[in-house]
Amino acid sequence: MRRLTGGLTGDAQAARVVPPTGFTAWLTVFTAAAMAFLAVFALALSFSAGRLADRWGEALARTATLRIAAPEGQVAAQTEAALRILEQTPGVAAARALTDAERRALLAPWFGPDLPVERLPIPQLIEITEEGEGFDPQGLRLRLAAEVPAAVLDDHTRWRRPLVQAADRLRALGWAAIALIGGAMAAMVTLAAQAALAANAQVIQVLRLVGARDAYIARAFTRRFTLRALGGAALGAAAGTGAVAALPREGAEGFLTALGFAGVEWATPLAVPALAAVVAWAATRTAARRTLRGLD
């Protein structure tokens, strides 16, 4: 980091050996801006996936569902028996039977809002909220089998595991995308630096004749390309942050509408230009030393 700071605040006159305009300048600025823009979205994807994994896992871990599919004349009696058992079960904070309106709302995405729930053989659902370390699902299933034979307990374990795994993989994919973005940016900056060095081969030879060392020349190119990358990345990160902020926030239970930053996460895009500058500094420094050795 001290070398990077020193390279940026060093001899500004040395940068005169680097052409201030040309395709290499625009290529570096555009590449840094585009990669920073994509990096902000990759960060938003990774953070959002992590939040969803935590929220889904916590919500499913604290709730369970009891389904009662009894004959029409026995539904009410078995529902009352199940509620009585749940009230006596350690680890159960609350249990309530869903109303017809709530069951209709659950089925509305598939069958529409006008589904006649009361006239269809739809099982009665009981929502269970856990407390403390939760209840013993195996013990509860045994008691329900003896007293409420039509009851089926779903403790959401089979639903929770795939959801959390999928969100964790999506979070890892976001970080992998950031690594690929950094590698692509390093490659593009390296190509731009090599092109600039090759275009200024005669200038470099003259500088050597008057006593300039290769380290001095390399610092000149490194400083110029690092500052270009820093400026471009700052523009791209600002544009990416604005685009993420403009995403819809209505109905944040969905993944796409929850894509973005929350709380202190909004500060993370500020690190993108600095990281882009580090990548550009390392790539240009390596390319400059390699190219200068090839010009001997």
C-alpha atoms as a PDB file:
ATOM      1  CA  MET A   1       0.000   0.000   0.000  1.00  0.00           C
ATOM      2  CA  ARG A   2       2.920   2.358   0.695  1.00  0.00           C
ATOM      3  CA  ARG A   3       4.274   1.678  -2.804  1.00  0.00           C
ATOM      4  CA  LEU A   4       0.859   2.369  -4.299  1.00  0.00           C
ATOM      5  CA  THR A   5       0.499   5.658  -2.373  1.00  0.00           C
ATOM      6  CA  GLY A   6       3.986   6.652  -3.279  1.00  0.00           C
ATOM      7  CA  GLY A   7       3.365   5.879  -6.941  1.00  0.00           C
ATOM      8  CA  LEU A   8       0.287   8.103  -6.994  1.00  0.00           C
ATOM      9  CA  THR A   9       1.843  11.023  -5.125  1.00  0.00           C
ATOM     10  CA  GLY A  10       5.291  10.754  -6.670  1.00  0.00           C
ATOM     11  CA  ASP A  11       6.853  12.833  -9.430  1.00  0.00           C
ATOM     12  CA  ALA A  12       3.934  14.147 -11.442  1.00  0.00           C
ATOM     13  CA  GLN A  13       6.335  15.393 -14.161  1.00  0.00           C
ATOM     14  CA  ALA A  14       7.304  11.809 -14.904  1.00  0.00           C
ATOM     15  CA  ALA A  15       3.819  11.194 -16.283  1.00  0.00           C
ATOM     16  CA  ARG A  16       4.685  13.450 -19.254  1.00  0.00           C
ATOM     17  CA  VAL A  17       6.255  10.442 -20.953  1.00  0.00           C
ATOM     18  CA  VAL A  18       2.778   8.849 -21.116  1.00  0.00           C
ATOM     19  CA  PRO A  19       0.438  10.146 -23.853  1.00  0.00           C
ATOM     20  CA  PRO A  20      -2.415  11.994 -22.098  1.00  0.00           C
ATOM     21  CA  THR A  21      -4.902  11.094 -24.839  1.00  0.00           C
ATOM     22  CA  GLY A  22      -5.456   8.264 -27.249  1.00  0.00           C
ATOM     23  CA  PHE A  23      -7.258   4.963 -27.277  1.00  0.00           C
ATOM     24  CA  THR A  24      -5.302   3.604 -24.289  1.00  0.00           C
ATOM     25  CA  ALA A  25      -6.635   6.387 -22.062  1.00  0.00           C
ATOM     26  CA  TRP A  26     -10.233   5.844 -23.107  1.00  0.00           C
ATOM     27  CA  LEU A  27      -9.836   2.078 -22.949  1.00  0.00           C
ATOM     28  CA  THR A  28      -8.573   2.217 -19.373  1.00  0.00           C
ATOM     29  CA  VAL A  29     -11.229   4.648 -18.192  1.00  0.00           C
ATOM     30  CA  PHE A  30     -14.072   2.795 -19.931  1.00  0.00           C
ATOM     31  CA  THR A  31     -12.895  -0.620 -18.721  1.00  0.00           C
ATOM     32  CA  ALA A  32     -12.560   0.579 -15.133  1.00  0.00           C
ATOM     33  CA  ALA A  33     -15.990   2.246 -15.227  1.00  0.00           C
ATOM     34  CA  ALA A  34     -17.733  -0.788 -16.747  1.00  0.00           C
ATOM     35  CA  MET A  35     -16.086  -3.263 -14.387  1.00  0.00           C
ATOM     36  CA  ALA A  36     -16.848  -1.093 -11.340  1.00  0.00           C
ATOM     37  CA  PHE A  37     -20.484  -0.827 -12.449  1.00  0.00           C
ATOM     38  CA  LEU A  38     -20.725  -4.631 -12.706  1.00  0.00           C
ATOM     39  CA  ALA A  39     -18.858  -5.088  -9.415  1.00  0.00           C
ATOM     40  CA  VAL A  40     -21.448  -2.995  -7.571  1.00  0.00           C
ATOM     41  CA  PHE A  41     -24.225  -5.215  -8.910  1.00  0.00           C
ATOM     42  CA  ALA A  42     -22.243  -8.331  -7.972  1.00  0.00           C
ATOM     43  CA  LEU A  43     -21.886  -6.953  -4.437  1.00  0.00           C
ATOM     44  CA  ALA A  44     -25.610  -6.223  -4.277  1.00  0.00           C
ATOM     45  CA  LEU A  45     -26.352  -9.753  -5.489  1.00  0.00           C
ATOM     46  CA  SER A  46     -24.071 -11.322  -2.899  1.00  0.00           C
ATOM     47  CA  PHE A  47     -25.378  -9.268   0.027  1.00  0.00           C
ATOM     48  CA  SER A  48     -29.009  -9.758  -1.011  1.00  0.00           C
ATOM     49  CA  ALA A  49     -28.539 -13.507  -1.308  1.00  0.00           C
ATOM     50  CA  GLY A  50     -27.007 -13.600   2.158  1.00  0.00           C
ATOM     51  CA  ARG A  51     -29.873 -11.626   3.677  1.00  0.00           C
ATOM     52  CA  LEU A  52     -32.458 -13.832   2.001  1.00  0.00           C
ATOM     53  CA  ALA A  53     -30.710 -16.977   3.195  1.00  0.00           C
ATOM     54  CA  ASP A  54     -30.721 -15.683   6.762  1.00  0.00           C
ATOM     55  CA  ARG A  55     -34.334 -14.483   6.579  1.00  0.00           C
ATOM     56  CA  TRP A  56     -35.698 -17.609   4.947  1.00  0.00           C
ATOM     57  CA  GLY A  57     -33.764 -19.879   7.264  1.00  0.00           C
ATOM     58  CA  GLU A  58     -34.823 -17.993  10.394  1.00  0.00           C
ATOM     59  CA  ALA A  59     -38.469 -17.773   9.340  1.00  0.00           C
ATOM     60  CA  LEU A  60     -38.733 -21.438   8.436  1.00  0.00           C
ATOM     61  CA  ALA A  61     -36.783 -22.516  11.500  1.00  0.00           C
ATOM     62  CA  ARG A  62     -39.223 -20.756  13.867  1.00  0.00           C
ATOM     63  CA  THR A  63     -42.439 -21.976  12.264  1.00  0.00           C
ATOM     64  CA  ALA A  64     -44.098 -25.266  11.362  1.00  0.00           C
ATOM     65  CA  THR A  65     -47.361 -26.293   9.751  1.00  0.00           C
ATOM     66  CA  LEU A  66     -49.882 -28.949  10.758  1.00  0.00           C
ATOM     67  CA  ARG A  67     -52.141 -30.212   7.971  1.00  0.00           C
ATOM     68  CA  ILE A  68     -55.391 -31.972   8.792  1.00  0.00           C
ATOM     69  CA  ALA A  69     -56.981 -33.848   5.897  1.00  0.00           C
ATOM     70  CA  ALA A  70     -59.904 -35.514   7.670  1.00  0.00           C
ATOM     71  CA  PRO A  71     -63.388 -36.343   6.356  1.00  0.00           C
ATOM     72  CA  GLU A  72     -65.716 -33.342   6.267  1.00  0.00           C
ATOM     73  CA  GLY A  73     -67.559 -34.166   9.468  1.00  0.00           C
ATOM     74  CA  GLN A  74     -64.353 -34.717  11.480  1.00  0.00           C
ATOM     75  CA  VAL A  75     -62.273 -31.686  10.498  1.00  0.00           C
ATOM     76  CA  ALA A  76     -63.500 -29.411  13.321  1.00  0.00           C
ATOM     77  CA  ALA A  77     -63.103 -32.061  16.033  1.00  0.00           C
ATOM     78  CA  GLN A  78     -59.625 -33.074  14.924  1.00  0.00           C
ATOM     79  CA  THR A  79     -58.591 -29.430  14.602  1.00  0.00           C
ATOM     80  CA  GLU A  80     -59.653 -28.751  18.196  1.00  0.00           C
ATOM     81  CA  ALA A  81     -57.823 -31.872  19.381  1.00  0.00           C
ATOM     82  CA  ALA A  82     -54.664 -30.834  17.530  1.00  0.00           C
ATOM     83  CA  LEU A  83     -54.780 -27.318  18.984  1.00  0.00           C
ATOM     84  CA  ARG A  84     -55.206 -28.762  22.463  1.00  0.00           C
ATOM     85  CA  ILE A  85     -52.169 -31.012  21.998  1.00  0.00           C
ATOM     86  CA  LEU A  86     -50.074 -28.135  20.668  1.00  0.00           C
ATOM     87  CA  GLU A  87     -50.980 -25.956  23.663  1.00  0.00           C
ATOM     88  CA  GLN A  88     -49.527 -28.668  25.906  1.00  0.00           C
ATOM     89  CA  THR A  89     -46.379 -29.230  23.828  1.00  0.00           C
ATOM     90  CA  PRO A  90     -43.133 -27.716  25.202  1.00  0.00           C
ATOM     91  CA  GLY A  91     -41.413 -25.434  22.712  1.00  0.00           C
ATOM     92  CA  VAL A  92     -44.638 -24.283  21.032  1.00  0.00           C
ATOM     93  CA  ALA A  93     -45.259 -20.589  21.607  1.00  0.00           C
ATOM     94  CA  ALA A  94     -48.528 -20.365  19.710  1.00  0.00           C
ATOM     95  CA  ALA A  95     -50.751 -22.362  17.374  1.00  0.00           C
ATOM     96  CA  ARG A  96     -53.756 -21.205  15.395  1.00  0.00           C
ATOM     97  CA  ALA A  97     -55.926 -22.555  12.593  1.00  0.00           C
ATOM     98  CA  LEU A  98     -55.846 -20.536   9.386  1.00  0.00           C
ATOM     99  CA  THR A  99     -59.104 -18.962   8.328  1.00  0.00           C
ATOM    100  CA  ASP A 100     -60.758 -19.506   4.957  1.00  0.00           C
ATOM    101  CA  ALA A 101     -59.555 -16.083   3.855  1.00  0.00           C
ATOM    102  CA  GLU A 102     -55.947 -16.923   4.719  1.00  0.00           C
ATOM    103  CA  ARG A 103     -56.109 -20.260   2.911  1.00  0.00           C
ATOM    104  CA  ARG A 104     -57.647 -18.545  -0.090  1.00  0.00           C
ATOM    105  CA  ALA A 105     -54.763 -16.030  -0.082  1.00  0.00           C
ATOM    106  CA  LEU A 106     -52.232 -18.869  -0.036  1.00  0.00           C
ATOM    107  CA  LEU A 107     -53.831 -20.505  -3.075  1.00  0.00           C
ATOM    108  CA  ALA A 108     -54.584 -17.276  -4.959  1.00  0.00           C
ATOM    109  CA  PRO A 109     -51.282 -17.206  -6.937  1.00  0.00           C
ATOM    110  CA  TRP A 110     -52.213 -20.557  -8.520  1.00  0.00           C
ATOM    111  CA  PHE A 111     -56.028 -20.590  -8.612  1.00  0.00           C
ATOM    112  CA  GLY A 112     -56.994 -16.932  -8.468  1.00  0.00           C
ATOM    113  CA  PRO A 113     -58.609 -14.877  -5.692  1.00  0.00           C
ATOM    114  CA  ASP A 114     -62.140 -16.289  -6.130  1.00  0.00           C
ATOM    115  CA  LEU A 115     -61.388 -19.885  -5.194  1.00  0.00           C
ATOM    116  CA  PRO A 116     -64.361 -21.318  -3.143  1.00  0.00           C
ATOM    117  CA  VAL A 117     -62.245 -22.700  -0.311  1.00  0.00           C
ATOM    118  CA  GLU A 118     -65.242 -23.507   1.898  1.00  0.00           C
ATOM    119  CA  ARG A 119     -66.736 -25.848  -0.758  1.00  0.00           C
ATOM    120  CA  LEU A 120     -63.523 -27.687  -1.691  1.00  0.00           C
ATOM    121  CA  PRO A 121     -61.856 -30.552   0.228  1.00  0.00           C
ATOM    122  CA  ILE A 122     -58.842 -28.436   1.134  1.00  0.00           C
ATOM    123  CA  PRO A 123     -57.007 -29.554   4.304  1.00  0.00           C
ATOM    124  CA  GLN A 124     -57.227 -27.418   7.406  1.00  0.00           C
ATOM    125  CA  LEU A 125     -53.892 -25.754   8.165  1.00  0.00           C
ATOM    126  CA  ILE A 126     -52.576 -24.913  11.624  1.00  0.00           C
ATOM    127  CA  GLU A 127     -49.695 -22.470  11.924  1.00  0.00           C
ATOM    128  CA  ILE A 128     -47.226 -23.303  14.718  1.00  0.00           C
ATOM    129  CA  THR A 129     -44.781 -20.764  16.149  1.00  0.00           C
ATOM    130  CA  GLU A 130     -41.848 -22.122  18.125  1.00  0.00           C
ATOM    131  CA  GLU A 131     -40.045 -20.663  21.122  1.00  0.00           C
ATOM    132  CA  GLY A 132     -36.749 -21.370  22.795  1.00  0.00           C
ATOM    133  CA  GLU A 133     -35.093 -24.412  21.266  1.00  0.00           C
ATOM    134  CA  GLY A 134     -38.327 -25.499  19.624  1.00  0.00           C
ATOM    135  CA  PHE A 135     -40.366 -28.660  20.036  1.00  0.00           C
ATOM    136  CA  ASP A 136     -39.508 -32.307  19.493  1.00  0.00           C
ATOM    137  CA  PRO A 137     -40.974 -33.115  16.048  1.00  0.00           C
ATOM    138  CA  GLN A 138     -40.714 -36.885  16.435  1.00  0.00           C
ATOM    139  CA  GLY A 139     -42.456 -36.912  19.812  1.00  0.00           C
ATOM    140  CA  LEU A 140     -45.181 -34.597  18.525  1.00  0.00           C
ATOM    141  CA  ARG A 141     -45.740 -36.796  15.467  1.00  0.00           C
ATOM    142  CA  LEU A 142     -46.192 -39.874  17.669  1.00  0.00           C
ATOM    143  CA  ARG A 143     -48.772 -38.153  19.873  1.00  0.00           C
ATOM    144  CA  LEU A 144     -50.636 -36.739  16.873  1.00  0.00           C
ATOM    145  CA  ALA A 145     -50.701 -40.165  15.219  1.00  0.00           C
ATOM    146  CA  ALA A 146     -52.409 -41.578  18.300  1.00  0.00           C
ATOM    147  CA  GLU A 147     -54.953 -38.789  18.899  1.00  0.00           C
ATOM    148  CA  VAL A 148     -55.312 -36.956  15.563  1.00  0.00           C
ATOM    149  CA  PRO A 149     -54.735 -39.598  12.859  1.00  0.00           C
ATOM    150  CA  ALA A 150     -55.477 -37.197   9.992  1.00  0.00           C
ATOM    151  CA  ALA A 151     -52.774 -34.714  11.061  1.00  0.00           C
ATOM    152  CA  VAL A 152     -49.501 -34.360   9.125  1.00  0.00           C
ATOM    153  CA  LEU A 153     -46.706 -32.268  10.683  1.00  0.00           C
ATOM    154  CA  ASP A 154     -44.336 -30.325   8.413  1.00  0.00           C
ATOM    155  CA  ASP A 155     -41.488 -28.768  10.390  1.00  0.00           C
ATOM    156  CA  HIS A 156     -40.133 -27.095   7.196  1.00  0.00           C
ATOM    157  CA  THR A 157     -36.766 -28.855   7.398  1.00  0.00           C
ATOM    158  CA  ARG A 158     -37.002 -30.190   3.872  1.00  0.00           C
ATOM    159  CA  TRP A 159     -37.906 -26.725   2.589  1.00  0.00           C
ATOM    160  CA  ARG A 160     -35.345 -24.817   4.629  1.00  0.00           C
ATOM    161  CA  ARG A 161     -32.247 -26.734   3.571  1.00  0.00           C
ATOM    162  CA  PRO A 162     -32.563 -26.271  -0.243  1.00  0.00           C
ATOM    163  CA  LEU A 163     -33.472 -22.602   0.127  1.00  0.00           C
ATOM    164  CA  VAL A 164     -30.501 -21.837   2.336  1.00  0.00           C
ATOM    165  CA  GLN A 165     -28.161 -23.848   0.109  1.00  0.00           C
ATOM    166  CA  ALA A 166     -29.388 -22.060  -3.009  1.00  0.00           C
ATOM    167  CA  ALA A 167     -28.966 -18.634  -1.412  1.00  0.00           C
ATOM    168  CA  ASP A 168     -25.475 -19.537  -0.148  1.00  0.00           C
ATOM    169  CA  ARG A 169     -24.463 -20.665  -3.635  1.00  0.00           C
ATOM    170  CA  LEU A 170     -25.837 -17.469  -5.098  1.00  0.00           C
ATOM    171  CA  ARG A 171     -23.808 -15.484  -2.585  1.00  0.00           C
ATOM    172  CA  ALA A 172     -20.663 -17.425  -3.548  1.00  0.00           C
ATOM    173  CA  LEU A 173     -21.486 -16.788  -7.216  1.00  0.00           C
ATOM    174  CA  GLY A 174     -21.558 -13.058  -6.510  1.00  0.00           C
ATOM    175  CA  TRP A 175     -18.085 -13.114  -4.959  1.00  0.00           C
ATOM    176  CA  ALA A 176     -16.802 -15.279  -7.827  1.00  0.00           C
ATOM    177  CA  ALA A 177     -18.187 -12.707 -10.266  1.00  0.00           C
ATOM    178  CA  ILE A 178     -16.295  -9.963  -8.434  1.00  0.00           C
ATOM    179  CA  ALA A 179     -13.068 -11.972  -8.739  1.00  0.00           C
ATOM    180  CA  LEU A 180     -13.654 -12.499 -12.479  1.00  0.00           C
ATOM    181  CA  ILE A 181     -14.385  -8.794 -12.919  1.00  0.00           C
ATOM    182  CA  GLY A 182     -11.089  -7.950 -11.230  1.00  0.00           C
ATOM    183  CA  GLY A 183      -9.225 -10.392 -13.457  1.00  0.00           C
ATOM    184  CA  ALA A 184     -10.822  -9.008 -16.624  1.00  0.00           C
ATOM    185  CA  MET A 185      -9.973  -5.476 -15.584  1.00  0.00           C
ATOM    186  CA  ALA A 186      -6.365  -6.446 -14.878  1.00  0.00           C
ATOM    187  CA  ALA A 187      -6.103  -8.026 -18.341  1.00  0.00           C
ATOM    188  CA  MET A 188      -7.534  -4.975 -20.106  1.00  0.00           C
ATOM    189  CA  VAL A 189      -5.333  -2.520 -18.205  1.00  0.00           C
ATOM    190  CA  THR A 190      -2.299  -4.693 -18.945  1.00  0.00           C
ATOM    191  CA  LEU A 191      -3.067  -4.616 -22.674  1.00  0.00           C
ATOM    192  CA  ALA A 192      -3.574  -0.845 -22.594  1.00  0.00           C
ATOM    193  CA  ALA A 193      -0.309  -0.292 -20.707  1.00  0.00           C
ATOM    194  CA  GLN A 194       1.624  -2.531 -23.088  1.00  0.00           C
ATOM    195  CA  ALA A 195       0.172  -0.688 -26.084  1.00  0.00           C
ATOM    196  CA  ALA A 196       1.147   2.683 -24.581  1.00  0.00           C
ATOM    197  CA  LEU A 197       4.662   1.474 -23.827  1.00  0.00           C
ATOM    198  CA  ALA A 198       5.086   0.078 -27.334  1.00  0.00           C
ATOM    199  CA  ALA A 199       3.819   3.313 -28.883  1.00  0.00           C
ATOM    200  CA  ASN A 200       6.360   5.306 -26.878  1.00  0.00           C
ATOM    201  CA  ALA A 201       9.349   3.047 -27.525  1.00  0.00           C
ATOM    202  CA  GLN A 202      11.348   5.866 -29.123  1.00  0.00           C
ATOM    203  CA  VAL A 203      10.577   8.224 -26.232  1.00  0.00           C
ATOM    204  CA  ILE A 204      11.695   5.554 -23.775  1.00  0.00           C
ATOM    205  CA  GLN A 205      14.986   5.095 -25.676  1.00  0.00           C
ATOM    206  CA  VAL A 206      15.630   8.853 -25.511  1.00  0.00           C
ATOM    207  CA  LEU A 207      14.875   8.897 -21.778  1.00  0.00           C
ATOM    208  CA  ARG A 208      17.350   6.089 -21.257  1.00  0.00           C
ATOM    209  CA  LEU A 209      20.006   8.005 -23.196  1.00  0.00           C
ATOM    210  CA  VAL A 210      19.616  11.027 -20.920  1.00  0.00           C
ATOM    211  CA  GLY A 211      19.944   8.850 -17.820  1.00  0.00           C
ATOM    212  CA  ALA A 212      16.387   7.927 -16.843  1.00  0.00           C
ATOM    213  CA  ARG A 213      16.167   4.584 -15.120  1.00  0.00           C
ATOM    214  CA  ASP A 214      13.573   1.977 -15.979  1.00  0.00           C
ATOM    215  CA  ALA A 215      12.088   2.259 -12.485  1.00  0.00           C
ATOM    216  CA  TYR A 216      11.420   5.963 -13.142  1.00  0.00           C
ATOM    217  CA  ILE A 217       9.776   5.245 -16.488  1.00  0.00           C
ATOM    218  CA  ALA A 218       7.705   2.382 -15.037  1.00  0.00           C
ATOM    219  CA  ARG A 219       6.460   4.645 -12.236  1.00  0.00           C
ATOM    220  CA  ALA A 220       5.342   7.199 -14.811  1.00  0.00           C
ATOM    221  CA  PHE A 221       3.170   4.677 -16.643  1.00  0.00           C
ATOM    222  CA  THR A 222       1.945   3.101 -13.426  1.00  0.00           C
ATOM    223  CA  ARG A 223       0.888   6.447 -11.995  1.00  0.00           C
ATOM    224  CA  ARG A 224      -0.977   7.531 -15.116  1.00  0.00           C
ATOM    225  CA  PHE A 225      -2.874   4.267 -15.614  1.00  0.00           C
ATOM    226  CA  THR A 226      -3.673   3.913 -11.919  1.00  0.00           C
ATOM    227  CA  LEU A 227      -5.208   7.393 -11.823  1.00  0.00           C
ATOM    228  CA  ARG A 228      -7.184   6.626 -14.989  1.00  0.00           C
ATOM    229  CA  ALA A 229      -8.522   3.432 -13.482  1.00  0.00           C
ATOM    230  CA  LEU A 230      -9.345   5.186 -10.209  1.00  0.00           C
ATOM    231  CA  GLY A 231     -11.310   7.921 -11.981  1.00  0.00           C
ATOM    232  CA  GLY A 232     -13.167   5.508 -14.254  1.00  0.00           C
ATOM    233  CA  ALA A 233     -13.993   3.157 -11.397  1.00  0.00           C
ATOM    234  CA  ALA A 234     -15.322   6.040  -9.315  1.00  0.00           C
ATOM    235  CA  LEU A 235     -17.704   6.983 -12.138  1.00  0.00           C
ATOM    236  CA  GLY A 236     -18.783   3.364 -12.655  1.00  0.00           C
ATOM    237  CA  ALA A 237     -19.296   2.732  -8.944  1.00  0.00           C
ATOM    238  CA  ALA A 238     -21.379   5.891  -8.608  1.00  0.00           C
ATOM    239  CA  ALA A 239     -23.519   4.895 -11.594  1.00  0.00           C
ATOM    240  CA  GLY A 240     -23.905   1.338 -10.267  1.00  0.00           C
ATOM    241  CA  THR A 241     -24.900   2.552  -6.811  1.00  0.00           C
ATOM    242  CA  GLY A 242     -27.478   4.881  -8.330  1.00  0.00           C
ATOM    243  CA  ALA A 243     -28.873   2.055 -10.458  1.00  0.00           C
ATOM    244  CA  VAL A 244     -29.157  -0.245  -7.442  1.00  0.00           C
ATOM    245  CA  ALA A 245     -30.869   2.502  -5.454  1.00  0.00           C
ATOM    246  CA  ALA A 246     -33.382   2.923  -8.292  1.00  0.00           C
ATOM    247  CA  LEU A 247     -34.444  -0.733  -8.210  1.00  0.00           C
ATOM    248  CA  PRO A 248     -38.038  -1.290  -7.011  1.00  0.00           C
ATOM    249  CA  ARG A 249     -38.502  -1.833  -3.297  1.00  0.00           C
ATOM    250  CA  GLU A 250     -42.182  -2.757  -3.237  1.00  0.00           C
ATOM    251  CA  GLY A 251     -42.882  -6.251  -1.975  1.00  0.00           C
ATOM    252  CA  ALA A 252     -39.405  -6.840  -0.581  1.00  0.00           C
ATOM    253  CA  GLU A 253     -40.223 -10.474   0.187  1.00  0.00           C
ATOM    254  CA  GLY A 254     -39.294 -11.397  -3.386  1.00  0.00           C
ATOM    255  CA  PHE A 255     -35.680 -11.786  -4.433  1.00  0.00           C
ATOM    256  CA  LEU A 256     -35.634  -9.353  -7.347  1.00  0.00           C
ATOM    257  CA  THR A 257     -37.397  -6.635  -5.366  1.00  0.00           C
ATOM    258  CA  ALA A 258     -35.019  -7.197  -2.449  1.00  0.00           C
ATOM    259  CA  LEU A 259     -31.879  -6.861  -4.595  1.00  0.00           C
ATOM    260  CA  GLY A 260     -29.743  -4.060  -3.207  1.00  0.00           C
ATOM    261  CA  PHE A 261     -27.886  -2.882  -0.123  1.00  0.00           C
ATOM    262  CA  ALA A 262     -29.089  -2.441   3.443  1.00  0.00           C
ATOM    263  CA  GLY A 263     -27.630  -0.391   6.272  1.00  0.00           C
ATOM    264  CA  VAL A 264     -23.845  -0.200   6.292  1.00  0.00           C
ATOM    265  CA  GLU A 265     -23.731  -2.249   3.094  1.00  0.00           C
ATOM    266  CA  TRP A 266     -24.284   1.004   1.193  1.00  0.00           C
ATOM    267  CA  ALA A 267     -20.707   1.940   2.114  1.00  0.00           C
ATOM    268  CA  THR A 268     -19.164  -1.059   0.340  1.00  0.00           C
ATOM    269  CA  PRO A 269     -19.313   0.490  -3.188  1.00  0.00           C
ATOM    270  CA  LEU A 270     -16.890   3.119  -1.871  1.00  0.00           C
ATOM    271  CA  ALA A 271     -14.232   0.402  -1.754  1.00  0.00           C
ATOM    272  CA  VAL A 272     -14.659  -0.506  -5.433  1.00  0.00           C
ATOM    273  CA  PRO A 273     -12.608   2.426  -6.870  1.00  0.00           C
ATOM    274  CA  ALA A 274      -9.810   1.782  -4.375  1.00  0.00           C
ATOM    275  CA  LEU A 275      -9.705  -1.905  -5.282  1.00  0.00           C
ATOM    276  CA  ALA A 276      -9.756  -1.001  -8.981  1.00  0.00           C
ATOM    277  CA  ALA A 277      -6.779   1.308  -8.417  1.00  0.00           C
ATOM    278  CA  VAL A 278      -4.868  -1.485  -6.662  1.00  0.00           C
ATOM    279  CA  VAL A 279      -5.595  -3.887  -9.539  1.00  0.00           C
ATOM    280  CA  ALA A 280      -4.546  -1.288 -12.128  1.00  0.00           C
ATOM    281  CA  TRP A 281      -1.380  -0.443 -10.200  1.00  0.00           C
ATOM    282  CA  ALA A 282      -0.310  -4.081  -9.946  1.00  0.00           C
ATOM    283  CA  ALA A 283      -1.178  -4.856 -13.585  1.00  0.00           C
ATOM    284  CA  THR A 284       0.536  -1.761 -15.002  1.00  0.00           C
ATOM    285  CA  ARG A 285       3.623  -2.196 -12.824  1.00  0.00           C
ATOM    286  CA  THR A 286       4.046  -5.783 -13.987  1.00  0.00           C
ATOM    287  CA  ALA A 287       3.386  -4.921 -17.640  1.00  0.00           C
ATOM    288  CA  ALA A 288       5.761  -1.945 -17.564  1.00  0.00           C
ATOM    289  CA  ARG A 289       8.659  -3.935 -16.118  1.00  0.00           C
ATOM    290  CA  ARG A 290       8.126  -6.789 -18.579  1.00  0.00           C
ATOM    291  CA  THR A 291       7.862  -4.468 -21.584  1.00  0.00           C
ATOM    292  CA  LEU A 292      10.873  -2.384 -20.593  1.00  0.00           C
ATOM    293  CA  ARG A 293      12.991  -5.513 -20.304  1.00  0.00           C
ATOM    294  CA  GLY A 294      11.836  -6.487 -23.789  1.00  0.00           C
ATOM    295  CA  LEU A 295      12.967  -3.103 -25.191  1.00  0.00           C
ATOM    296  CA  ASP A 296      16.581  -3.680 -24.164  1.00  0.00           C
END
